[in-house]
Amino acid sequence: MARTIHFAMHSNGPQMTAVLPCANGYPAPTVATPGEASMGALIPKRLAKRAVTRNAIKRQIYIVGAQYKATLPVAAHVVRLRARFDSNQYFSATSDKLKSAVRWELEQLFASAAPPVPPTVQGS
């Protein structure tokens, strides 16, 4: 559906109408209410070795995804990390430099995944 240097977004079509419970009885965080887009994140261990890095990237995906949720089509969307962030350039998973780079790229990804807004025609 959309792709950047480090991320890819996949979509499956219409969203399920059922909200599936987790093992603890609460609704799963990636399942949306009917009529809304849902968001998931997939960060392979081979691309982000440390759990703190994977969790920081997932957190950014969910934060940016929540901002663009209204503009996305009603479907289940998954954002996948497809390339490694250079560990020499981003040495810490909690660094502001990595967080801002991830956020900037995710904003590009979500902006390209959202359908274009048709121009409004003003009548005379």
PDB file of N, CA and C in Angstrom:
ATOM      1  N   MET A   1       0.823  -1.193   0.000  1.00  0.00           N
ATOM      2  CA  MET A   1       0.000   0.000   0.000  1.00  0.00           C
ATOM      3  C   MET A   1       0.865   1.254   0.000  1.00  0.00           C
ATOM      4  N   ALA A   2       1.853   1.319   0.916  1.00  0.00           N
ATOM      5  CA  ALA A   2       2.776   2.456   0.955  1.00  0.00           C
ATOM      6  C   ALA A   2       4.126   1.948   1.436  1.00  0.00           C
ATOM      7  N   ARG A   3       5.187   2.672   1.055  1.00  0.00           N
ATOM      8  CA  ARG A   3       6.533   2.206   1.389  1.00  0.00           C
ATOM      9  C   ARG A   3       7.475   3.390   1.527  1.00  0.00           C
ATOM     10  N   THR A   4       8.383   3.301   2.502  1.00  0.00           N
ATOM     11  CA  THR A   4       9.480   4.255   2.646  1.00  0.00           C
ATOM     12  C   THR A   4      10.771   3.446   2.724  1.00  0.00           C
ATOM     13  N   ILE A   5      11.872   4.113   3.042  1.00  0.00           N
ATOM     14  CA  ILE A   5      13.158   3.423   3.098  1.00  0.00           C
ATOM     15  C   ILE A   5      13.147   2.317   4.155  1.00  0.00           C
ATOM     16  N   HIS A   6      12.608   2.604   5.333  1.00  0.00           N
ATOM     17  CA  HIS A   6      12.653   1.640   6.432  1.00  0.00           C
ATOM     18  C   HIS A   6      11.329   0.930   6.709  1.00  0.00           C
ATOM     19  N   PHE A   7      10.229   1.451   6.223  1.00  0.00           N
ATOM     20  CA  PHE A   7       8.918   0.908   6.582  1.00  0.00           C
ATOM     21  C   PHE A   7       8.081   0.571   5.359  1.00  0.00           C
ATOM     22  N   ALA A   8       7.145  -0.350   5.560  1.00  0.00           N
ATOM     23  CA  ALA A   8       6.132  -0.671   4.550  1.00  0.00           C
ATOM     24  C   ALA A   8       4.797  -0.804   5.266  1.00  0.00           C
ATOM     25  N   MET A   9       3.743  -0.337   4.628  1.00  0.00           N
ATOM     26  CA  MET A   9       2.402  -0.471   5.197  1.00  0.00           C
ATOM     27  C   MET A   9       1.595  -1.411   4.325  1.00  0.00           C
ATOM     28  N   HIS A  10       0.953  -2.361   4.970  1.00  0.00           N
ATOM     29  CA  HIS A  10       0.100  -3.319   4.282  1.00  0.00           C
ATOM     30  C   HIS A  10      -1.320  -3.154   4.792  1.00  0.00           C
ATOM     31  N   SER A  11      -2.287  -3.450   3.934  1.00  0.00           N
ATOM     32  CA  SER A  11      -3.692  -3.333   4.296  1.00  0.00           C
ATOM     33  C   SER A  11      -4.437  -4.526   3.738  1.00  0.00           C
ATOM     34  N   ASN A  12      -5.506  -4.956   4.436  1.00  0.00           N
ATOM     35  CA  ASN A  12      -6.208  -6.159   3.997  1.00  0.00           C
ATOM     36  C   ASN A  12      -7.618  -5.924   3.487  1.00  0.00           C
ATOM     37  N   GLY A  13      -8.098  -4.729   3.457  1.00  0.00           N
ATOM     38  CA  GLY A  13      -9.453  -4.492   2.992  1.00  0.00           C
ATOM     39  C   GLY A  13     -10.382  -4.164   4.142  1.00  0.00           C
ATOM     40  N   PRO A  14     -11.671  -4.465   4.010  1.00  0.00           N
ATOM     41  CA  PRO A  14     -12.631  -4.068   5.042  1.00  0.00           C
ATOM     42  C   PRO A  14     -12.292  -4.633   6.413  1.00  0.00           C
ATOM     43  N   GLN A  15     -12.519  -3.812   7.410  1.00  0.00           N
ATOM     44  CA  GLN A  15     -12.235  -4.171   8.801  1.00  0.00           C
ATOM     45  C   GLN A  15     -13.285  -5.134   9.341  1.00  0.00           C
ATOM     46  N   MET A  16     -12.855  -6.036  10.197  1.00  0.00           N
ATOM     47  CA  MET A  16     -13.796  -6.934  10.878  1.00  0.00           C
ATOM     48  C   MET A  16     -14.710  -6.106  11.776  1.00  0.00           C
ATOM     49  N   THR A  17     -15.902  -6.588  11.999  1.00  0.00           N
ATOM     50  CA  THR A  17     -16.821  -5.855  12.857  1.00  0.00           C
ATOM     51  C   THR A  17     -16.759  -6.339  14.294  1.00  0.00           C
ATOM     52  N   ALA A  18     -16.154  -7.477  14.553  1.00  0.00           N
ATOM     53  CA  ALA A  18     -16.073  -8.005  15.912  1.00  0.00           C
ATOM     54  C   ALA A  18     -14.814  -7.491  16.599  1.00  0.00           C
ATOM     55  N   VAL A  19     -14.929  -7.217  17.887  1.00  0.00           N
ATOM     56  CA  VAL A  19     -13.777  -6.850  18.693  1.00  0.00           C
ATOM     57  C   VAL A  19     -13.363  -8.084  19.468  1.00  0.00           C
ATOM     58  N   LEU A  20     -12.162  -8.567  19.206  1.00  0.00           N
ATOM     59  CA  LEU A  20     -11.699  -9.799  19.818  1.00  0.00           C
ATOM     60  C   LEU A  20     -11.038  -9.508  21.157  1.00  0.00           C
ATOM     61  N   PRO A  21     -11.378 -10.245  22.224  1.00  0.00           N
ATOM     62  CA  PRO A  21     -10.753  -9.996  23.518  1.00  0.00           C
ATOM     63  C   PRO A  21      -9.360 -10.628  23.599  1.00  0.00           C
ATOM     64  N   CYS A  22      -8.504 -10.030  24.414  1.00  0.00           N
ATOM     65  CA  CYS A  22      -7.193 -10.605  24.698  1.00  0.00           C
ATOM     66  C   CYS A  22      -7.362 -11.706  25.740  1.00  0.00           C
ATOM     67  N   ALA A  23      -6.270 -12.309  26.144  1.00  0.00           N
ATOM     68  CA  ALA A  23      -6.308 -13.367  27.150  1.00  0.00           C
ATOM     69  C   ALA A  23      -6.807 -12.840  28.493  1.00  0.00           C
ATOM     70  N   ASN A  24      -6.542 -11.569  28.792  1.00  0.00           N
ATOM     71  CA  ASN A  24      -6.959 -11.008  30.074  1.00  0.00           C
ATOM     72  C   ASN A  24      -8.387 -10.464  30.047  1.00  0.00           C
ATOM     73  N   GLY A  25      -9.083 -10.571  28.923  1.00  0.00           N
ATOM     74  CA  GLY A  25     -10.468 -10.133  28.834  1.00  0.00           C
ATOM     75  C   GLY A  25     -10.657  -8.738  28.276  1.00  0.00           C
ATOM     76  N   TYR A  26      -9.578  -7.949  28.179  1.00  0.00           N
ATOM     77  CA  TYR A  26      -9.671  -6.604  27.627  1.00  0.00           C
ATOM     78  C   TYR A  26      -9.559  -6.658  26.107  1.00  0.00           C
ATOM     79  N   PRO A  27     -10.108  -5.683  25.392  1.00  0.00           N
ATOM     80  CA  PRO A  27      -9.981  -5.694  23.932  1.00  0.00           C
ATOM     81  C   PRO A  27      -8.528  -5.543  23.513  1.00  0.00           C
ATOM     82  N   ALA A  28      -8.184  -6.175  22.400  1.00  0.00           N
ATOM     83  CA  ALA A  28      -6.826  -6.087  21.873  1.00  0.00           C
ATOM     84  C   ALA A  28      -6.560  -4.660  21.400  1.00  0.00           C
ATOM     85  N   PRO A  29      -5.341  -4.120  21.589  1.00  0.00           N
ATOM     86  CA  PRO A  29      -5.075  -2.733  21.219  1.00  0.00           C
ATOM     87  C   PRO A  29      -5.081  -2.484  19.718  1.00  0.00           C
ATOM     88  N   THR A  30      -4.894  -3.516  18.892  1.00  0.00           N
ATOM     89  CA  THR A  30      -4.823  -3.306  17.453  1.00  0.00           C
ATOM     90  C   THR A  30      -6.169  -3.454  16.765  1.00  0.00           C
ATOM     91  N   VAL A  31      -7.209  -3.855  17.492  1.00  0.00           N
ATOM     92  CA  VAL A  31      -8.524  -4.038  16.889  1.00  0.00           C
ATOM     93  C   VAL A  31      -9.345  -2.780  17.123  1.00  0.00           C
ATOM     94  N   ALA A  32      -9.861  -2.207  16.061  1.00  0.00           N
ATOM     95  CA  ALA A  32     -10.619  -0.964  16.149  1.00  0.00           C
ATOM     96  C   ALA A  32     -12.103  -1.258  16.299  1.00  0.00           C
ATOM     97  N   THR A  33     -12.824  -0.231  16.654  1.00  0.00           N
ATOM     98  CA  THR A  33     -14.269  -0.358  16.689  1.00  0.00           C
ATOM     99  C   THR A  33     -14.770  -0.412  15.252  1.00  0.00           C
ATOM    100  N   PRO A  34     -15.961  -0.954  15.027  1.00  0.00           N
ATOM    101  CA  PRO A  34     -16.479  -1.031  13.659  1.00  0.00           C
ATOM    102  C   PRO A  34     -16.534   0.352  13.014  1.00  0.00           C
ATOM    103  N   GLY A  35     -16.125   0.399  11.752  1.00  0.00           N
ATOM    104  CA  GLY A  35     -16.136   1.658  11.023  1.00  0.00           C
ATOM    105  C   GLY A  35     -14.868   2.466  11.153  1.00  0.00           C
ATOM    106  N   GLU A  36     -13.848   1.952  11.852  1.00  0.00           N
ATOM    107  CA  GLU A  36     -12.581   2.649  12.004  1.00  0.00           C
ATOM    108  C   GLU A  36     -11.448   1.795  11.461  1.00  0.00           C
ATOM    109  N   ALA A  37     -10.369   2.451  11.111  1.00  0.00           N
ATOM    110  CA  ALA A  37      -9.165   1.732  10.692  1.00  0.00           C
ATOM    111  C   ALA A  37      -8.461   1.189  11.929  1.00  0.00           C
ATOM    112  N   SER A  38      -7.866   0.000  11.809  1.00  0.00           N
ATOM    113  CA  SER A  38      -7.089  -0.542  12.917  1.00  0.00           C
ATOM    114  C   SER A  38      -5.620  -0.573  12.527  1.00  0.00           C
ATOM    115  N   MET A  39      -4.755  -0.572  13.529  1.00  0.00           N
ATOM    116  CA  MET A  39      -3.329  -0.457  13.293  1.00  0.00           C
ATOM    117  C   MET A  39      -2.583  -1.568  14.014  1.00  0.00           C
ATOM    118  N   GLY A  40      -1.588  -2.132  13.326  1.00  0.00           N
ATOM    119  CA  GLY A  40      -0.704  -3.121  13.918  1.00  0.00           C
ATOM    120  C   GLY A  40       0.727  -2.791  13.541  1.00  0.00           C
ATOM    121  N   ALA A  41       1.677  -3.342  14.293  1.00  0.00           N
ATOM    122  CA  ALA A  41       3.095  -3.089  14.035  1.00  0.00           C
ATOM    123  C   ALA A  41       3.841  -4.407  14.028  1.00  0.00           C
ATOM    124  N   LEU A  42       4.785  -4.544  13.106  1.00  0.00           N
ATOM    125  CA  LEU A  42       5.598  -5.744  12.991  1.00  0.00           C
ATOM    126  C   LEU A  42       7.053  -5.311  12.898  1.00  0.00           C
ATOM    127  N   ILE A  43       7.817  -5.611  13.936  1.00  0.00           N
ATOM    128  CA  ILE A  43       9.229  -5.245  13.990  1.00  0.00           C
ATOM    129  C   ILE A  43      10.031  -6.527  14.144  1.00  0.00           C
ATOM    130  N   PRO A  44      10.641  -7.035  13.070  1.00  0.00           N
ATOM    131  CA  PRO A  44      11.393  -8.277  13.162  1.00  0.00           C
ATOM    132  C   PRO A  44      12.624  -8.147  14.059  1.00  0.00           C
ATOM    133  N   LYS A  45      12.902  -9.195  14.791  1.00  0.00           N
ATOM    134  CA  LYS A  45      14.045  -9.208  15.686  1.00  0.00           C
ATOM    135  C   LYS A  45      15.366  -9.134  14.918  1.00  0.00           C
ATOM    136  N   ARG A  46      15.373  -9.627  13.699  1.00  0.00           N
ATOM    137  CA  ARG A  46      16.614  -9.594  12.915  1.00  0.00           C
ATOM    138  C   ARG A  46      16.974  -8.184  12.471  1.00  0.00           C
ATOM    139  N   LEU A  47      15.986  -7.261  12.467  1.00  0.00           N
ATOM    140  CA  LEU A  47      16.247  -5.875  12.070  1.00  0.00           C
ATOM    141  C   LEU A  47      16.435  -4.940  13.259  1.00  0.00           C
ATOM    142  N   ALA A  48      15.920  -5.310  14.402  1.00  0.00           N
ATOM    143  CA  ALA A  48      16.090  -4.528  15.632  1.00  0.00           C
ATOM    144  C   ALA A  48      16.352  -5.526  16.754  1.00  0.00           C
ATOM    145  N   LYS A  49      17.608  -5.730  17.071  1.00  0.00           N
ATOM    146  CA  LYS A  49      18.003  -6.791  17.997  1.00  0.00           C
ATOM    147  C   LYS A  49      17.491  -6.582  19.420  1.00  0.00           C
ATOM    148  N   ARG A  50      17.538  -5.357  19.888  1.00  0.00           N
ATOM    149  CA  ARG A  50      17.175  -5.097  21.285  1.00  0.00           C
ATOM    150  C   ARG A  50      15.681  -4.827  21.426  1.00  0.00           C
ATOM    151  N   ALA A  51      15.094  -5.376  22.469  1.00  0.00           N
ATOM    152  CA  ALA A  51      13.659  -5.196  22.719  1.00  0.00           C
ATOM    153  C   ALA A  51      13.306  -3.735  22.940  1.00  0.00           C
ATOM    154  N   VAL A  52      14.195  -2.975  23.561  1.00  0.00           N
ATOM    155  CA  VAL A  52      13.912  -1.569  23.808  1.00  0.00           C
ATOM    156  C   VAL A  52      13.803  -0.806  22.484  1.00  0.00           C
ATOM    157  N   THR A  53      14.586  -1.195  21.498  1.00  0.00           N
ATOM    158  CA  THR A  53      14.502  -0.567  20.181  1.00  0.00           C
ATOM    159  C   THR A  53      13.191  -0.925  19.498  1.00  0.00           C
ATOM    160  N   ARG A  54      12.829  -2.205  19.531  1.00  0.00           N
ATOM    161  CA  ARG A  54      11.566  -2.638  18.919  1.00  0.00           C
ATOM    162  C   ARG A  54      10.377  -1.947  19.573  1.00  0.00           C
ATOM    163  N   ASN A  55      10.392  -1.849  20.882  1.00  0.00           N
ATOM    164  CA  ASN A  55       9.273  -1.211  21.589  1.00  0.00           C
ATOM    165  C   ASN A  55       9.203   0.289  21.300  1.00  0.00           C
ATOM    166  N   ALA A  56      10.350   0.945  21.194  1.00  0.00           N
ATOM    167  CA  ALA A  56      10.354   2.383  20.889  1.00  0.00           C
ATOM    168  C   ALA A  56       9.794   2.640  19.493  1.00  0.00           C
ATOM    169  N   ILE A  57      10.158   1.783  18.533  1.00  0.00           N
ATOM    170  CA  ILE A  57       9.642   1.948  17.166  1.00  0.00           C
ATOM    171  C   ILE A  57       8.143   1.659  17.127  1.00  0.00           C
ATOM    172  N   LYS A  58       7.697   0.615  17.821  1.00  0.00           N
ATOM    173  CA  LYS A  58       6.258   0.310  17.865  1.00  0.00           C
ATOM    174  C   LYS A  58       5.478   1.464  18.487  1.00  0.00           C
ATOM    175  N   ARG A  59       6.019   2.040  19.546  1.00  0.00           N
ATOM    176  CA  ARG A  59       5.341   3.154  20.203  1.00  0.00           C
ATOM    177  C   ARG A  59       5.162   4.316  19.227  1.00  0.00           C
ATOM    178  N   GLN A  60       6.191   4.605  18.432  1.00  0.00           N
ATOM    179  CA  GLN A  60       6.090   5.680  17.443  1.00  0.00           C
ATOM    180  C   GLN A  60       5.059   5.337  16.360  1.00  0.00           C
ATOM    181  N   ILE A  61       4.995   4.065  15.966  1.00  0.00           N
ATOM    182  CA  ILE A  61       4.007   3.649  14.962  1.00  0.00           C
ATOM    183  C   ILE A  61       2.595   3.891  15.476  1.00  0.00           C
ATOM    184  N   TYR A  62       2.330   3.507  16.726  1.00  0.00           N
ATOM    185  CA  TYR A  62       0.988   3.686  17.278  1.00  0.00           C
ATOM    186  C   TYR A  62       0.644   5.159  17.499  1.00  0.00           C
ATOM    187  N   ILE A  63       1.621   5.976  17.879  1.00  0.00           N
ATOM    188  CA  ILE A  63       1.359   7.401  18.095  1.00  0.00           C
ATOM    189  C   ILE A  63       1.041   8.096  16.772  1.00  0.00           C
ATOM    190  N   VAL A  64       1.872   7.878  15.764  1.00  0.00           N
ATOM    191  CA  VAL A  64       1.642   8.514  14.460  1.00  0.00           C
ATOM    192  C   VAL A  64       0.392   7.922  13.806  1.00  0.00           C
ATOM    193  N   GLY A  65       0.171   6.618  13.982  1.00  0.00           N
ATOM    194  CA  GLY A  65      -1.022   5.978  13.427  1.00  0.00           C
ATOM    195  C   GLY A  65      -2.304   6.556  13.998  1.00  0.00           C
ATOM    196  N   ALA A  66      -2.289   6.901  15.276  1.00  0.00           N
ATOM    197  CA  ALA A  66      -3.472   7.497  15.902  1.00  0.00           C
ATOM    198  C   ALA A  66      -3.769   8.874  15.303  1.00  0.00           C
ATOM    199  N   GLN A  67      -2.730   9.601  14.919  1.00  0.00           N
ATOM    200  CA  GLN A  67      -2.936  10.921  14.322  1.00  0.00           C
ATOM    201  C   GLN A  67      -3.558  10.817  12.930  1.00  0.00           C
ATOM    202  N   TYR A  68      -3.211   9.774  12.183  1.00  0.00           N
ATOM    203  CA  TYR A  68      -3.686   9.610  10.811  1.00  0.00           C
ATOM    204  C   TYR A  68      -4.868   8.638  10.697  1.00  0.00           C
ATOM    205  N   LYS A  69      -5.378   8.165  11.804  1.00  0.00           N
ATOM    206  CA  LYS A  69      -6.429   7.138  11.795  1.00  0.00           C
ATOM    207  C   LYS A  69      -7.668   7.583  11.032  1.00  0.00           C
ATOM    208  N   ALA A  70      -8.049   8.821  11.167  1.00  0.00           N
ATOM    209  CA  ALA A  70      -9.265   9.320  10.513  1.00  0.00           C
ATOM    210  C   ALA A  70      -9.103   9.418   9.005  1.00  0.00           C
ATOM    211  N   THR A  71      -7.878   9.565   8.509  1.00  0.00           N
ATOM    212  CA  THR A  71      -7.673   9.725   7.072  1.00  0.00           C
ATOM    213  C   THR A  71      -7.450   8.398   6.353  1.00  0.00           C
ATOM    214  N   LEU A  72      -7.182   7.330   7.101  1.00  0.00           N
ATOM    215  CA  LEU A  72      -6.938   6.024   6.482  1.00  0.00           C
ATOM    216  C   LEU A  72      -8.250   5.346   6.127  1.00  0.00           C
ATOM    217  N   PRO A  73      -8.248   4.513   5.071  1.00  0.00           N
ATOM    218  CA  PRO A  73      -9.457   3.757   4.756  1.00  0.00           C
ATOM    219  C   PRO A  73      -9.778   2.765   5.862  1.00  0.00           C
ATOM    220  N   VAL A  74     -11.052   2.416   5.987  1.00  0.00           N
ATOM    221  CA  VAL A  74     -11.482   1.468   7.016  1.00  0.00           C
ATOM    222  C   VAL A  74     -10.975   0.089   6.621  1.00  0.00           C
ATOM    223  N   ALA A  75      -9.937  -0.355   7.316  1.00  0.00           N
ATOM    224  CA  ALA A  75      -9.299  -1.639   7.044  1.00  0.00           C
ATOM    225  C   ALA A  75      -8.332  -1.934   8.180  1.00  0.00           C
ATOM    226  N   ALA A  76      -7.760  -3.121   8.168  1.00  0.00           N
ATOM    227  CA  ALA A  76      -6.702  -3.477   9.110  1.00  0.00           C
ATOM    228  C   ALA A  76      -5.372  -3.150   8.433  1.00  0.00           C
ATOM    229  N   HIS A  77      -4.595  -2.296   9.050  1.00  0.00           N
ATOM    230  CA  HIS A  77      -3.319  -1.852   8.504  1.00  0.00           C
ATOM    231  C   HIS A  77      -2.185  -2.373   9.381  1.00  0.00           C
ATOM    232  N   VAL A  78      -1.104  -2.803   8.750  1.00  0.00           N
ATOM    233  CA  VAL A  78       0.080  -3.258   9.471  1.00  0.00           C
ATOM    234  C   VAL A  78       1.277  -2.493   8.936  1.00  0.00           C
ATOM    235  N   VAL A  79       2.039  -1.887   9.845  1.00  0.00           N
ATOM    236  CA  VAL A  79       3.275  -1.212   9.479  1.00  0.00           C
ATOM    237  C   VAL A  79       4.413  -2.154   9.833  1.00  0.00           C
ATOM    238  N   ARG A  80       5.277  -2.428   8.849  1.00  0.00           N
ATOM    239  CA  ARG A  80       6.360  -3.396   9.012  1.00  0.00           C
ATOM    240  C   ARG A  80       7.697  -2.694   8.816  1.00  0.00           C
ATOM    241  N   LEU A  81       8.630  -2.959   9.735  1.00  0.00           N
ATOM    242  CA  LEU A  81       9.996  -2.476   9.558  1.00  0.00           C
ATOM    243  C   LEU A  81      10.660  -3.375   8.528  1.00  0.00           C
ATOM    244  N   ARG A  82      11.192  -2.802   7.465  1.00  0.00           N
ATOM    245  CA  ARG A  82      11.765  -3.615   6.402  1.00  0.00           C
ATOM    246  C   ARG A  82      13.249  -3.398   6.198  1.00  0.00           C
ATOM    247  N   ALA A  83      13.829  -2.443   6.908  1.00  0.00           N
ATOM    248  CA  ALA A  83      15.268  -2.208   6.825  1.00  0.00           C
ATOM    249  C   ALA A  83      15.768  -1.746   8.200  1.00  0.00           C
ATOM    250  N   ARG A  84      16.990  -2.088   8.492  1.00  0.00           N
ATOM    251  CA  ARG A  84      17.608  -1.780   9.781  1.00  0.00           C
ATOM    252  C   ARG A  84      18.016  -0.305   9.835  1.00  0.00           C
ATOM    253  N   PHE A  85      17.823   0.323  11.000  1.00  0.00           N
ATOM    254  CA  PHE A  85      18.366   1.653  11.238  1.00  0.00           C
ATOM    255  C   PHE A  85      19.837   1.483  11.614  1.00  0.00           C
ATOM    256  N   ASP A  86      20.703   2.298  11.067  1.00  0.00           N
ATOM    257  CA  ASP A  86      22.139   2.173  11.273  1.00  0.00           C
ATOM    258  C   ASP A  86      22.492   2.388  12.749  1.00  0.00           C
ATOM    259  N   SER A  87      23.067   1.344  13.364  1.00  0.00           N
ATOM    260  CA  SER A  87      23.395   1.423  14.788  1.00  0.00           C
ATOM    261  C   SER A  87      24.585   2.348  15.047  1.00  0.00           C
ATOM    262  N   ASN A  88      25.392   2.645  14.040  1.00  0.00           N
ATOM    263  CA  ASN A  88      26.489   3.600  14.223  1.00  0.00           C
ATOM    264  C   ASN A  88      25.963   5.032  14.284  1.00  0.00           C
ATOM    265  N   GLN A  89      24.878   5.287  13.571  1.00  0.00           N
ATOM    266  CA  GLN A  89      24.295   6.625  13.564  1.00  0.00           C
ATOM    267  C   GLN A  89      23.311   6.801  14.723  1.00  0.00           C
ATOM    268  N   TYR A  90      22.530   5.767  15.012  1.00  0.00           N
ATOM    269  CA  TYR A  90      21.538   5.806  16.095  1.00  0.00           C
ATOM    270  C   TYR A  90      21.975   4.794  17.150  1.00  0.00           C
ATOM    271  N   PHE A  91      22.838   5.212  18.055  1.00  0.00           N
ATOM    272  CA  PHE A  91      23.457   4.290  18.997  1.00  0.00           C
ATOM    273  C   PHE A  91      22.562   3.926  20.165  1.00  0.00           C
ATOM    274  N   SER A  92      21.529   4.699  20.434  1.00  0.00           N
ATOM    275  CA  SER A  92      20.643   4.429  21.566  1.00  0.00           C
ATOM    276  C   SER A  92      19.198   4.372  21.088  1.00  0.00           C
ATOM    277  N   ALA A  93      18.468   3.384  21.593  1.00  0.00           N
ATOM    278  CA  ALA A  93      17.066   3.238  21.204  1.00  0.00           C
ATOM    279  C   ALA A  93      16.197   4.349  21.770  1.00  0.00           C
ATOM    280  N   THR A  94      16.635   4.954  22.856  1.00  0.00           N
ATOM    281  CA  THR A  94      15.831   6.003  23.473  1.00  0.00           C
ATOM    282  C   THR A  94      16.324   7.401  23.096  1.00  0.00           C
ATOM    283  N   SER A  95      17.235   7.473  22.130  1.00  0.00           N
ATOM    284  CA  SER A  95      17.757   8.782  21.740  1.00  0.00           C
ATOM    285  C   SER A  95      16.693   9.567  20.975  1.00  0.00           C
ATOM    286  N   ASP A  96      16.732  10.865  21.162  1.00  0.00           N
ATOM    287  CA  ASP A  96      15.794  11.733  20.456  1.00  0.00           C
ATOM    288  C   ASP A  96      16.057  11.712  18.956  1.00  0.00           C
ATOM    289  N   LYS A  97      17.306  11.469  18.580  1.00  0.00           N
ATOM    290  CA  LYS A  97      17.665  11.420  17.170  1.00  0.00           C
ATOM    291  C   LYS A  97      16.961  10.263  16.463  1.00  0.00           C
ATOM    292  N   LEU A  98      16.954   9.076  17.081  1.00  0.00           N
ATOM    293  CA  LEU A  98      16.265   7.924  16.487  1.00  0.00           C
ATOM    294  C   LEU A  98      14.761   8.142  16.482  1.00  0.00           C
ATOM    295  N   LYS A  99      14.220   8.630  17.589  1.00  0.00           N
ATOM    296  CA  LYS A  99      12.773   8.850  17.666  1.00  0.00           C
ATOM    297  C   LYS A  99      12.297   9.841  16.607  1.00  0.00           C
ATOM    298  N   SER A 100      13.048  10.917  16.410  1.00  0.00           N
ATOM    299  CA  SER A 100      12.626  11.912  15.419  1.00  0.00           C
ATOM    300  C   SER A 100      12.777  11.370  14.000  1.00  0.00           C
ATOM    301  N   ALA A 101      13.806  10.563  13.753  1.00  0.00           N
ATOM    302  CA  ALA A 101      13.974   9.971  12.422  1.00  0.00           C
ATOM    303  C   ALA A 101      12.846   8.985  12.124  1.00  0.00           C
ATOM    304  N   VAL A 102      12.485   8.166  13.111  1.00  0.00           N
ATOM    305  CA  VAL A 102      11.397   7.204  12.935  1.00  0.00           C
ATOM    306  C   VAL A 102      10.083   7.946  12.727  1.00  0.00           C
ATOM    307  N   ARG A 103       9.816   8.952  13.546  1.00  0.00           N
ATOM    308  CA  ARG A 103       8.569   9.716  13.440  1.00  0.00           C
ATOM    309  C   ARG A 103       8.463  10.405  12.082  1.00  0.00           C
ATOM    310  N   TRP A 104       9.542  11.028  11.621  1.00  0.00           N
ATOM    311  CA  TRP A 104       9.535  11.725  10.335  1.00  0.00           C
ATOM    312  C   TRP A 104       9.211  10.761   9.203  1.00  0.00           C
ATOM    313  N   GLU A 105       9.838   9.587   9.221  1.00  0.00           N
ATOM    314  CA  GLU A 105       9.595   8.619   8.152  1.00  0.00           C
ATOM    315  C   GLU A 105       8.188   8.032   8.235  1.00  0.00           C
ATOM    316  N   LEU A 106       7.687   7.818   9.445  1.00  0.00           N
ATOM    317  CA  LEU A 106       6.319   7.302   9.596  1.00  0.00           C
ATOM    318  C   LEU A 106       5.292   8.320   9.122  1.00  0.00           C
ATOM    319  N   GLU A 107       5.542   9.590   9.368  1.00  0.00           N
ATOM    320  CA  GLU A 107       4.613  10.619   8.880  1.00  0.00           C
ATOM    321  C   GLU A 107       4.572  10.630   7.365  1.00  0.00           C
ATOM    322  N   GLN A 108       5.710  10.424   6.716  1.00  0.00           N
ATOM    323  CA  GLN A 108       5.718  10.305   5.258  1.00  0.00           C
ATOM    324  C   GLN A 108       4.931   9.075   4.813  1.00  0.00           C
ATOM    325  N   LEU A 109       5.116   7.968   5.510  1.00  0.00           N
ATOM    326  CA  LEU A 109       4.435   6.723   5.173  1.00  0.00           C
ATOM    327  C   LEU A 109       2.919   6.877   5.280  1.00  0.00           C
ATOM    328  N   PHE A 110       2.450   7.415   6.397  1.00  0.00           N
ATOM    329  CA  PHE A 110       1.005   7.567   6.598  1.00  0.00           C
ATOM    330  C   PHE A 110       0.415   8.603   5.648  1.00  0.00           C
ATOM    331  N   ALA A 111       1.162   9.652   5.349  1.00  0.00           N
ATOM    332  CA  ALA A 111       0.655  10.657   4.411  1.00  0.00           C
ATOM    333  C   ALA A 111       0.498  10.064   3.012  1.00  0.00           C
ATOM    334  N   SER A 112       1.408   9.191   2.609  1.00  0.00           N
ATOM    335  CA  SER A 112       1.286   8.589   1.283  1.00  0.00           C
ATOM    336  C   SER A 112       0.236   7.476   1.262  1.00  0.00           C
ATOM    337  N   ALA A 113      -0.077   6.892   2.419  1.00  0.00           N
ATOM    338  CA  ALA A 113      -1.082   5.828   2.476  1.00  0.00           C
ATOM    339  C   ALA A 113      -2.500   6.387   2.516  1.00  0.00           C
ATOM    340  N   ALA A 114      -2.652   7.595   3.008  1.00  0.00           N
ATOM    341  CA  ALA A 114      -3.989   8.196   3.081  1.00  0.00           C
ATOM    342  C   ALA A 114      -4.446   8.551   1.674  1.00  0.00           C
ATOM    343  N   PRO A 115      -5.723   8.298   1.356  1.00  0.00           N
ATOM    344  CA  PRO A 115      -6.215   8.637   0.016  1.00  0.00           C
ATOM    345  C   PRO A 115      -6.182  10.146  -0.182  1.00  0.00           C
ATOM    346  N   PRO A 116      -5.901  10.591  -1.411  1.00  0.00           N
ATOM    347  CA  PRO A 116      -5.853  12.032  -1.647  1.00  0.00           C
ATOM    348  C   PRO A 116      -7.243  12.655  -1.487  1.00  0.00           C
ATOM    349  N   VAL A 117      -7.234  13.846  -0.953  1.00  0.00           N
ATOM    350  CA  VAL A 117      -8.493  14.562  -0.750  1.00  0.00           C
ATOM    351  C   VAL A 117      -8.861  15.222  -2.068  1.00  0.00           C
ATOM    352  N   PRO A 118     -10.062  14.931  -2.600  1.00  0.00           N
ATOM    353  CA  PRO A 118     -10.460  15.544  -3.871  1.00  0.00           C
ATOM    354  C   PRO A 118     -10.644  17.043  -3.694  1.00  0.00           C
ATOM    355  N   PRO A 119     -10.279  17.801  -4.725  1.00  0.00           N
ATOM    356  CA  PRO A 119     -10.459  19.257  -4.624  1.00  0.00           C
ATOM    357  C   PRO A 119     -11.937  19.605  -4.603  1.00  0.00           C
ATOM    358  N   THR A 120     -12.267  20.605  -3.835  1.00  0.00           N
ATOM    359  CA  THR A 120     -13.654  21.025  -3.762  1.00  0.00           C
ATOM    360  C   THR A 120     -13.958  21.983  -4.900  1.00  0.00           C
ATOM    361  N   VAL A 121     -15.125  21.821  -5.457  1.00  0.00           N
ATOM    362  CA  VAL A 121     -15.569  22.692  -6.554  1.00  0.00           C
ATOM    363  C   VAL A 121     -16.557  23.681  -5.980  1.00  0.00           C
ATOM    364  N   GLN A 122     -16.241  24.939  -6.125  1.00  0.00           N
ATOM    365  CA  GLN A 122     -17.124  25.973  -5.584  1.00  0.00           C
ATOM    366  C   GLN A 122     -18.040  26.460  -6.701  1.00  0.00           C
ATOM    367  N   GLY A 123     -19.304  26.408  -6.428  1.00  0.00           N
ATOM    368  CA  GLY A 123     -20.285  26.879  -7.413  1.00  0.00           C
ATOM    369  C   GLY A 123     -20.401  28.383  -7.388  1.00  0.00           C
ATOM    370  N   SER A 124     -20.811  28.953  -8.514  1.00  0.00           N
ATOM    371  CA  SER A 124     -20.954  30.405  -8.554  1.00  0.00           C
ATOM    372  C   SER A 124     -22.390  30.817  -8.461  1.00  0.00           C
TER     373      SER A 124
END
